[in-house]
Amino acid sequence: MLSLTPGDKPYRCNVCGAQFNRPANLKTHSRIHSGEKPYRCDTCGARFVQ
């Protein structure tokens, strides 16, 4: 486990270099580049990243 101090962002996007403090935030961000939209609106069918 990483030992972090406030402000540390050890998780970096390989595509654009954006940095994140949590791996889950990097995973959500990576959907911008991949085009993945796993969430669908039950009403209209539109798909979303988050």
N, C-alpha and C. Protein backbone atom coordinates (compact mmCIF):
# COMPACT_ATOMS: atom_id res chain seq x y z
N MET A 1 0.84 -1.18 0.00
CA MET A 1 0.00 0.00 0.00
C MET A 1 0.89 1.24 0.00
N LEU A 2 0.50 2.23 -0.79
CA LEU A 2 1.26 3.47 -0.86
C LEU A 2 1.01 4.33 0.37
N SER A 3 2.04 5.00 0.84
CA SER A 3 1.90 5.95 1.93
C SER A 3 1.81 7.34 1.30
N LEU A 4 0.64 7.96 1.40
CA LEU A 4 0.40 9.24 0.74
C LEU A 4 0.31 10.37 1.73
N THR A 5 0.77 11.52 1.30
CA THR A 5 0.54 12.74 2.06
C THR A 5 -0.48 13.55 1.29
N PRO A 6 -1.17 14.47 1.95
CA PRO A 6 -2.18 15.27 1.23
C PRO A 6 -1.59 15.91 -0.02
N GLY A 7 -2.31 15.76 -1.12
CA GLY A 7 -1.86 16.34 -2.39
C GLY A 7 -1.12 15.37 -3.29
N ASP A 8 -0.70 14.22 -2.76
CA ASP A 8 -0.02 13.23 -3.60
C ASP A 8 -0.98 12.65 -4.63
N LYS A 9 -0.50 12.48 -5.85
CA LYS A 9 -1.31 11.90 -6.93
C LYS A 9 -0.44 10.92 -7.70
N PRO A 10 -0.29 9.71 -7.16
CA PRO A 10 0.64 8.76 -7.77
C PRO A 10 0.10 7.99 -8.98
N TYR A 11 -1.18 8.13 -9.29
CA TYR A 11 -1.77 7.39 -10.40
C TYR A 11 -1.87 8.30 -11.61
N ARG A 12 -1.13 7.95 -12.69
CA ARG A 12 -1.02 8.82 -13.86
C ARG A 12 -1.64 8.15 -15.08
N CYS A 13 -2.39 8.95 -15.85
CA CYS A 13 -2.97 8.49 -17.11
C CYS A 13 -1.85 8.36 -18.14
N ASN A 14 -1.78 7.20 -18.78
CA ASN A 14 -0.75 6.96 -19.79
C ASN A 14 -1.01 7.71 -21.09
N VAL A 15 -2.24 8.19 -21.28
CA VAL A 15 -2.59 8.87 -22.52
C VAL A 15 -2.30 10.37 -22.43
N CYS A 16 -2.79 11.02 -21.37
CA CYS A 16 -2.68 12.49 -21.30
C CYS A 16 -1.84 12.99 -20.13
N GLY A 17 -1.45 12.11 -19.22
CA GLY A 17 -0.61 12.52 -18.11
C GLY A 17 -1.35 13.06 -16.90
N ALA A 18 -2.67 13.09 -16.94
CA ALA A 18 -3.44 13.55 -15.77
C ALA A 18 -3.11 12.66 -14.58
N GLN A 19 -3.08 13.25 -13.39
CA GLN A 19 -2.71 12.50 -12.19
C GLN A 19 -3.88 12.45 -11.21
N PHE A 20 -3.95 11.34 -10.47
CA PHE A 20 -5.05 11.11 -9.55
C PHE A 20 -4.55 10.53 -8.25
N ASN A 21 -5.30 10.78 -7.17
CA ASN A 21 -4.91 10.27 -5.87
C ASN A 21 -5.50 8.88 -5.59
N ARG A 22 -6.44 8.43 -6.40
CA ARG A 22 -7.05 7.12 -6.20
C ARG A 22 -7.12 6.36 -7.53
N PRO A 23 -6.89 5.06 -7.50
CA PRO A 23 -6.96 4.29 -8.74
C PRO A 23 -8.36 4.30 -9.37
N ALA A 24 -9.40 4.38 -8.55
CA ALA A 24 -10.76 4.42 -9.09
C ALA A 24 -10.98 5.69 -9.90
N ASN A 25 -10.38 6.80 -9.48
CA ASN A 25 -10.52 8.06 -10.22
C ASN A 25 -9.81 7.96 -11.57
N LEU A 26 -8.67 7.29 -11.60
CA LEU A 26 -7.96 7.08 -12.86
C LEU A 26 -8.80 6.20 -13.79
N LYS A 27 -9.42 5.17 -13.24
CA LYS A 27 -10.25 4.29 -14.06
C LYS A 27 -11.42 5.05 -14.69
N THR A 28 -12.09 5.89 -13.89
CA THR A 28 -13.18 6.71 -14.41
C THR A 28 -12.67 7.64 -15.50
N HIS A 29 -11.55 8.29 -15.26
CA HIS A 29 -10.95 9.20 -16.23
C HIS A 29 -10.61 8.49 -17.53
N SER A 30 -10.09 7.27 -17.44
CA SER A 30 -9.65 6.55 -18.64
C SER A 30 -10.79 6.29 -19.61
N ARG A 31 -12.01 6.33 -19.12
CA ARG A 31 -13.17 6.15 -20.01
C ARG A 31 -13.31 7.30 -21.00
N ILE A 32 -12.78 8.46 -20.67
CA ILE A 32 -12.78 9.59 -21.60
C ILE A 32 -12.03 9.20 -22.88
N HIS A 33 -10.91 8.53 -22.70
CA HIS A 33 -10.07 8.16 -23.83
C HIS A 33 -10.58 6.92 -24.56
N SER A 34 -11.17 5.99 -23.82
CA SER A 34 -11.60 4.72 -24.43
C SER A 34 -12.98 4.82 -25.08
N GLY A 35 -13.76 5.82 -24.67
CA GLY A 35 -15.12 5.95 -25.19
C GLY A 35 -16.12 5.05 -24.49
N GLU A 36 -15.67 4.30 -23.49
CA GLU A 36 -16.57 3.41 -22.75
C GLU A 36 -17.62 4.23 -22.00
N LYS A 37 -18.87 3.84 -22.14
CA LYS A 37 -19.97 4.49 -21.43
C LYS A 37 -20.85 3.40 -20.81
N PRO A 38 -20.46 2.92 -19.63
CA PRO A 38 -21.13 1.76 -19.04
C PRO A 38 -22.47 2.03 -18.37
N TYR A 39 -22.84 3.29 -18.22
CA TYR A 39 -24.08 3.61 -17.51
C TYR A 39 -25.14 4.11 -18.50
N ARG A 40 -26.34 3.51 -18.42
CA ARG A 40 -27.41 3.85 -19.35
C ARG A 40 -28.62 4.39 -18.59
N CYS A 41 -29.21 5.44 -19.10
CA CYS A 41 -30.44 6.01 -18.55
C CYS A 41 -31.61 5.08 -18.89
N ASP A 42 -32.36 4.66 -17.89
CA ASP A 42 -33.51 3.77 -18.11
C ASP A 42 -34.65 4.47 -18.84
N THR A 43 -34.69 5.79 -18.78
CA THR A 43 -35.77 6.54 -19.40
C THR A 43 -35.53 6.77 -20.89
N CYS A 44 -34.37 7.31 -21.23
CA CYS A 44 -34.13 7.69 -22.63
C CYS A 44 -33.11 6.81 -23.35
N GLY A 45 -32.38 5.98 -22.61
CA GLY A 45 -31.39 5.10 -23.23
C GLY A 45 -30.04 5.74 -23.48
N ALA A 46 -29.87 7.01 -23.13
CA ALA A 46 -28.58 7.67 -23.30
C ALA A 46 -27.53 6.97 -22.43
N ARG A 47 -26.28 6.97 -22.90
CA ARG A 47 -25.21 6.31 -22.16
C ARG A 47 -24.24 7.35 -21.63
N PHE A 48 -23.62 7.04 -20.47
CA PHE A 48 -22.77 7.99 -19.78
C PHE A 48 -21.52 7.31 -19.22
N VAL A 49 -20.48 8.13 -19.03
CA VAL A 49 -19.22 7.66 -18.47
C VAL A 49 -19.37 7.42 -16.97
N GLN A 50 -20.11 8.30 -16.30
CA GLN A 50 -20.29 8.15 -14.84
C GLN A 50 -21.66 8.58 -14.41
